[in-house]
Amino acid sequence: MSDTGSTSQLVDARLCRGVTRTHARTFFLASSLLPTDKRRACYALYSFCRTADDVVDSLCVSRDQARSLLAAHGEALAMADAGHGVTPAFRELAWAVNRFAIPVRVFDELLRGVASDLSVGRFATWTDLEAYCQGVASSVGEMCTYVFGVREPERLPRAIEHARTLGVAMQLTNILRDVGEDARRGRVYLPADELKAHGLSPEAILDASALTHPGWRPFLASQIERARAYYRGAAPGYALLDTSGAAAARACGIG
């Protein structure tokens, strides 16, 4: 399949581009630093991830319906991997998977991580929360690494390791930014044991009483420093990527 493709392929690509531009401005702008085929692949990856997120976050479906939709998402992924994309997003995903040899296991990892939102309402420790971040964000970092490309093939495993670290940093950043929004959905993406150490609880997050508690600011500061440590841990990975990939990754992962 050529990078320009048929008219139908161009339509599919434009639809994925529109989804990315509408819902992920930073990622869209970062992708603009890439050559055309890599940019197209990034739009396909984002459209896949966005669709999965929308299933879980929808207020119009029950949890059982959401699980069924995610199962269908997984089936469509398998069809796409076999070269039979059934929607514009999955046809584009099939192209990206084949063009950049992205292993399907990382898409499965993301679907499992997203599905956990339907059943996991609390995280006892940072270890538990980090595993969630790996599922929903480190998986995306790994996908993108295959698209961004590395300077030397033997550097790919190390680049993936750093990209997965960056995924944790970015997801924790999102969690801290969205504490209030998540609480309104009945979700607390914070380690309960560390909340307790600061005199707080998940319930205090849900009812917003944490905001006036003296332990809130120190707790928040500790989480911000944790995120910064992950950004620092990810930084050596930029030098492993090719020039355009490094620029795009830096634009995504400023922290």
Protein backbone atom coordinates (compact mmCIF):
# COMPACT_ATOMS: atom_id res chain seq x y z
CA MET A 1 0.00 0.00 0.00
CA SER A 2 1.43 3.37 -0.95
CA ASP A 3 1.61 6.26 1.47
CA THR A 4 -0.73 8.34 -0.69
CA GLY A 5 -3.15 5.49 -1.28
CA SER A 6 -6.52 5.36 -3.05
CA THR A 7 -9.30 7.92 -2.71
CA SER A 8 -11.01 5.83 -0.01
CA GLN A 9 -7.75 5.60 1.93
CA LEU A 10 -7.32 9.36 1.74
CA VAL A 11 -10.84 9.81 3.10
CA ASP A 12 -10.06 7.43 5.98
CA ALA A 13 -6.84 9.29 6.74
CA ARG A 14 -8.61 12.64 6.75
CA LEU A 15 -11.25 11.36 9.16
CA CYS A 16 -8.57 10.21 11.61
CA ARG A 17 -6.77 13.51 11.19
CA GLY A 18 -9.98 15.34 12.04
CA VAL A 19 -10.52 13.29 15.20
CA THR A 20 -6.98 14.01 16.35
CA ARG A 21 -7.18 17.71 15.55
CA THR A 22 -10.49 18.05 17.42
CA HIS A 23 -9.64 16.12 20.56
CA ALA A 24 -5.83 16.15 20.98
CA ARG A 25 -4.41 19.53 20.07
CA THR A 26 -0.97 18.95 21.62
CA PHE A 27 -0.57 15.54 19.98
CA PHE A 28 -1.85 16.95 16.69
CA LEU A 29 0.71 19.75 16.75
CA ALA A 30 3.50 17.38 17.79
CA SER A 31 2.59 15.06 14.92
CA SER A 32 2.99 17.94 12.48
CA LEU A 33 6.75 17.64 13.09
CA LEU A 34 6.75 14.21 11.46
CA PRO A 35 6.93 13.19 7.79
CA THR A 36 3.60 12.50 6.07
CA ASP A 37 3.42 8.73 6.56
CA LYS A 38 4.40 8.90 10.24
CA ARG A 39 1.92 11.71 10.82
CA ARG A 40 -0.82 9.64 9.22
CA ALA A 41 0.04 6.68 11.44
CA CYS A 42 -0.10 8.84 14.57
CA TYR A 43 -3.58 10.01 13.63
CA ALA A 44 -4.64 6.39 13.22
CA LEU A 45 -3.22 5.46 16.64
CA TYR A 46 -4.96 8.36 18.32
CA SER A 47 -8.31 7.57 16.68
CA PHE A 48 -8.11 3.99 17.97
CA CYS A 49 -7.25 5.13 21.50
CA ARG A 50 -9.91 7.86 21.48
CA THR A 51 -12.65 5.45 20.45
CA ALA A 52 -11.74 3.08 23.29
CA ASP A 53 -11.71 5.94 25.82
CA ASP A 54 -15.07 7.19 24.61
CA VAL A 55 -16.63 3.78 25.19
CA VAL A 56 -15.61 3.81 28.85
CA ASP A 57 -16.41 7.47 29.48
CA SER A 58 -19.80 7.44 27.79
CA LEU A 59 -22.69 8.31 30.10
CA CYS A 60 -25.14 6.78 27.63
CA VAL A 61 -24.21 3.12 28.06
CA SER A 62 -24.13 0.74 31.01
CA ARG A 63 -20.97 -0.99 32.19
CA ASP A 64 -22.09 -4.23 30.57
CA GLN A 65 -22.73 -2.42 27.30
CA ALA A 66 -19.32 -0.75 27.55
CA ARG A 67 -17.65 -4.13 28.09
CA SER A 68 -19.44 -5.49 25.02
CA LEU A 69 -18.33 -2.49 22.97
CA LEU A 70 -14.72 -2.93 24.09
CA ALA A 71 -14.91 -6.62 23.21
CA ALA A 72 -16.13 -5.60 19.75
CA HIS A 73 -13.22 -3.15 19.62
CA GLY A 74 -10.86 -6.04 20.28
CA GLU A 75 -12.48 -8.13 17.56
CA ALA A 76 -12.19 -5.24 15.11
CA LEU A 77 -8.53 -4.93 16.10
CA ALA A 78 -7.97 -8.60 15.24
CA MET A 79 -9.65 -8.07 11.87
CA ALA A 80 -7.54 -5.00 11.23
CA ASP A 81 -4.40 -6.99 12.03
CA ALA A 82 -5.51 -9.52 9.42
CA GLY A 83 -5.87 -6.71 6.91
CA HIS A 84 -9.64 -6.39 7.14
CA GLY A 85 -10.39 -3.01 8.72
CA VAL A 86 -14.15 -2.52 8.98
CA THR A 87 -14.32 1.20 9.76
CA PRO A 88 -12.17 4.16 8.66
CA ALA A 89 -10.28 4.16 11.98
CA PHE A 90 -9.55 0.44 11.83
CA ARG A 91 -8.63 0.50 8.14
CA GLU A 92 -6.12 3.23 8.98
CA LEU A 93 -4.94 1.26 11.99
CA ALA A 94 -4.37 -1.78 9.80
CA TRP A 95 -2.27 0.37 7.47
CA ALA A 96 -0.23 1.80 10.37
CA VAL A 97 0.33 -1.61 12.00
CA ASN A 98 1.65 -3.04 8.76
CA ARG A 99 3.59 0.03 7.67
CA PHE A 100 5.51 0.37 10.95
CA ALA A 101 5.44 -3.23 12.24
CA ILE A 102 3.64 -2.26 15.47
CA PRO A 103 2.98 -5.35 17.60
CA VAL A 104 -0.73 -5.91 18.21
CA ARG A 105 -0.04 -6.88 21.83
CA VAL A 106 0.37 -3.18 22.76
CA PHE A 107 -3.13 -2.43 21.47
CA ASP A 108 -4.44 -5.34 23.52
CA GLU A 109 -2.60 -3.92 26.53
CA LEU A 110 -4.30 -0.56 26.03
CA LEU A 111 -7.76 -2.16 25.74
CA ARG A 112 -7.19 -4.07 28.98
CA GLY A 113 -6.09 -0.88 30.72
CA VAL A 114 -9.08 1.08 29.47
CA ALA A 115 -11.44 -1.75 30.43
CA SER A 116 -10.15 -1.63 34.01
CA ASP A 117 -11.92 1.73 34.39
CA LEU A 118 -15.18 -0.20 34.36
CA SER A 119 -14.33 -2.16 37.51
CA VAL A 120 -11.40 -0.58 39.37
CA GLY A 121 -12.52 2.36 41.48
CA ARG A 122 -9.59 2.64 43.86
CA PHE A 123 -5.82 2.21 43.85
CA ALA A 124 -4.35 1.03 47.13
CA THR A 125 -0.73 1.88 46.35
CA TRP A 126 1.43 3.62 43.76
CA THR A 127 2.37 0.19 42.42
CA ASP A 128 -1.29 -0.40 41.58
CA LEU A 129 -1.69 3.03 39.99
CA GLU A 130 1.55 2.72 38.03
CA ALA A 131 0.30 -0.56 36.53
CA TYR A 132 -2.82 1.28 35.39
CA CYS A 133 -0.70 4.07 33.87
CA GLN A 134 1.36 1.46 32.04
CA GLY A 135 -1.78 -0.03 30.54
CA VAL A 136 -3.46 3.14 29.33
CA ALA A 137 -0.43 5.33 28.54
CA SER A 138 2.85 3.44 28.39
CA SER A 139 1.24 1.23 25.76
CA VAL A 140 0.64 4.36 23.66
CA GLY A 141 4.23 5.45 24.13
CA GLU A 142 5.40 2.09 22.83
CA MET A 143 3.10 2.32 19.78
CA CYS A 144 4.44 5.76 18.98
CA THR A 145 8.05 4.63 19.27
CA TYR A 146 7.58 2.21 16.38
CA VAL A 147 6.17 5.08 14.30
CA PHE A 148 8.71 7.73 15.36
CA GLY A 149 11.62 5.44 14.54
CA VAL A 150 15.08 5.11 16.06
CA ARG A 151 18.50 6.16 14.80
CA GLU A 152 19.79 2.60 14.99
CA PRO A 153 17.63 -0.58 15.08
CA GLU A 154 19.42 -1.99 18.12
CA ARG A 155 18.31 1.04 20.13
CA LEU A 156 14.61 0.22 19.79
CA PRO A 157 14.22 -1.73 23.08
CA ARG A 158 15.84 1.09 25.08
CA ALA A 159 13.75 3.69 23.27
CA ILE A 160 10.59 1.74 24.10
CA GLU A 161 11.61 1.54 27.76
CA HIS A 162 12.03 5.31 27.94
CA ALA A 163 8.79 5.89 26.01
CA ARG A 164 6.91 3.76 28.49
CA THR A 165 8.39 5.81 31.32
CA LEU A 166 7.23 8.96 29.57
CA GLY A 167 3.76 7.44 29.31
CA VAL A 168 3.59 7.07 33.09
CA ALA A 169 4.75 10.67 33.55
CA MET A 170 2.13 12.00 31.16
CA GLN A 171 -0.69 9.90 32.60
CA LEU A 172 0.13 10.99 36.15
CA THR A 173 0.13 14.58 34.91
CA ASN A 174 -3.32 14.04 33.43
CA ILE A 175 -4.53 12.45 36.66
CA LEU A 176 -3.40 15.42 38.75
CA ARG A 177 -4.95 17.86 36.27
CA ASP A 178 -8.27 16.00 36.21
CA VAL A 179 -8.78 15.15 39.89
CA GLY A 180 -12.03 17.13 40.08
CA GLU A 181 -13.46 15.81 36.82
CA ASP A 182 -12.63 12.22 37.76
CA ALA A 183 -14.18 12.68 41.21
CA ARG A 184 -17.43 13.80 39.59
CA ARG A 185 -17.39 10.48 37.75
CA GLY A 186 -16.82 8.66 41.05
CA ARG A 187 -13.20 7.85 40.24
CA VAL A 188 -10.09 8.46 42.34
CA TYR A 189 -6.81 7.82 40.53
CA LEU A 190 -4.59 8.43 43.55
CA PRO A 191 -2.76 5.96 45.83
CA ALA A 192 -4.89 5.47 48.95
CA ASP A 193 -1.96 4.67 51.23
CA GLU A 194 -0.24 7.95 50.35
CA LEU A 195 -3.47 9.88 50.81
CA LYS A 196 -3.78 8.29 54.25
CA ALA A 197 -0.21 9.28 55.13
CA HIS A 198 -1.29 12.91 54.59
CA GLY A 199 -4.49 12.54 56.61
CA LEU A 200 -6.66 12.18 53.51
CA SER A 201 -8.87 9.51 51.97
CA PRO A 202 -10.47 8.70 48.61
CA GLU A 203 -13.78 9.85 50.09
CA ALA A 204 -12.26 13.26 50.81
CA ILE A 205 -11.40 13.50 47.13
CA LEU A 206 -14.93 12.56 46.09
CA ASP A 207 -16.61 15.14 48.32
CA ALA A 208 -13.90 17.76 47.66
CA SER A 209 -13.15 18.21 51.38
CA ALA A 210 -9.51 17.39 50.58
CA LEU A 211 -9.13 20.80 48.98
CA THR A 212 -9.29 22.55 52.37
CA HIS A 213 -7.35 19.90 54.28
CA PRO A 214 -3.80 20.89 55.36
CA GLY A 215 -2.43 17.65 53.96
CA TRP A 216 -3.66 18.29 50.42
CA ARG A 217 -0.91 20.61 49.22
CA PRO A 218 1.95 18.44 50.55
CA PHE A 219 0.32 15.37 49.02
CA LEU A 220 -0.07 17.13 45.69
CA ALA A 221 3.53 18.34 45.81
CA SER A 222 4.75 14.77 46.32
CA GLN A 223 2.81 13.58 43.28
CA ILE A 224 4.10 16.45 41.14
CA GLU A 225 7.66 15.58 42.09
CA ARG A 226 6.98 11.94 41.22
CA ALA A 227 5.77 12.97 37.77
CA ARG A 228 8.86 15.13 37.29
CA ALA A 229 11.08 12.20 38.24
CA TYR A 230 9.43 10.08 35.56
CA TYR A 231 9.92 12.85 32.99
CA ARG A 232 13.61 12.95 33.94
CA GLY A 233 13.81 9.19 33.61
CA ALA A 234 12.28 9.35 30.13
CA ALA A 235 14.51 12.16 28.84
CA PRO A 236 17.46 9.99 27.67
CA GLY A 237 15.11 8.28 25.24
CA TYR A 238 14.78 11.32 23.00
CA ALA A 239 18.34 10.96 21.75
CA LEU A 240 17.61 7.40 20.65
CA LEU A 241 14.90 8.47 18.21
CA ASP A 242 15.42 9.76 14.71
CA THR A 243 15.38 13.54 14.27
CA SER A 244 11.69 14.10 13.52
CA GLY A 245 10.59 11.47 16.05
CA ALA A 246 12.67 13.08 18.78
CA ALA A 247 11.12 16.48 18.04
CA ALA A 248 7.60 15.06 18.17
CA ALA A 249 8.26 13.11 21.36
CA ARG A 250 9.68 16.19 23.07
CA ALA A 251 6.65 18.22 22.03
CA CYS A 252 4.35 15.58 23.54
CA GLY A 253 6.35 15.08 26.71
CA ILE A 254 7.36 18.48 27.99
CA GLY A 255 7.39 18.07 31.75
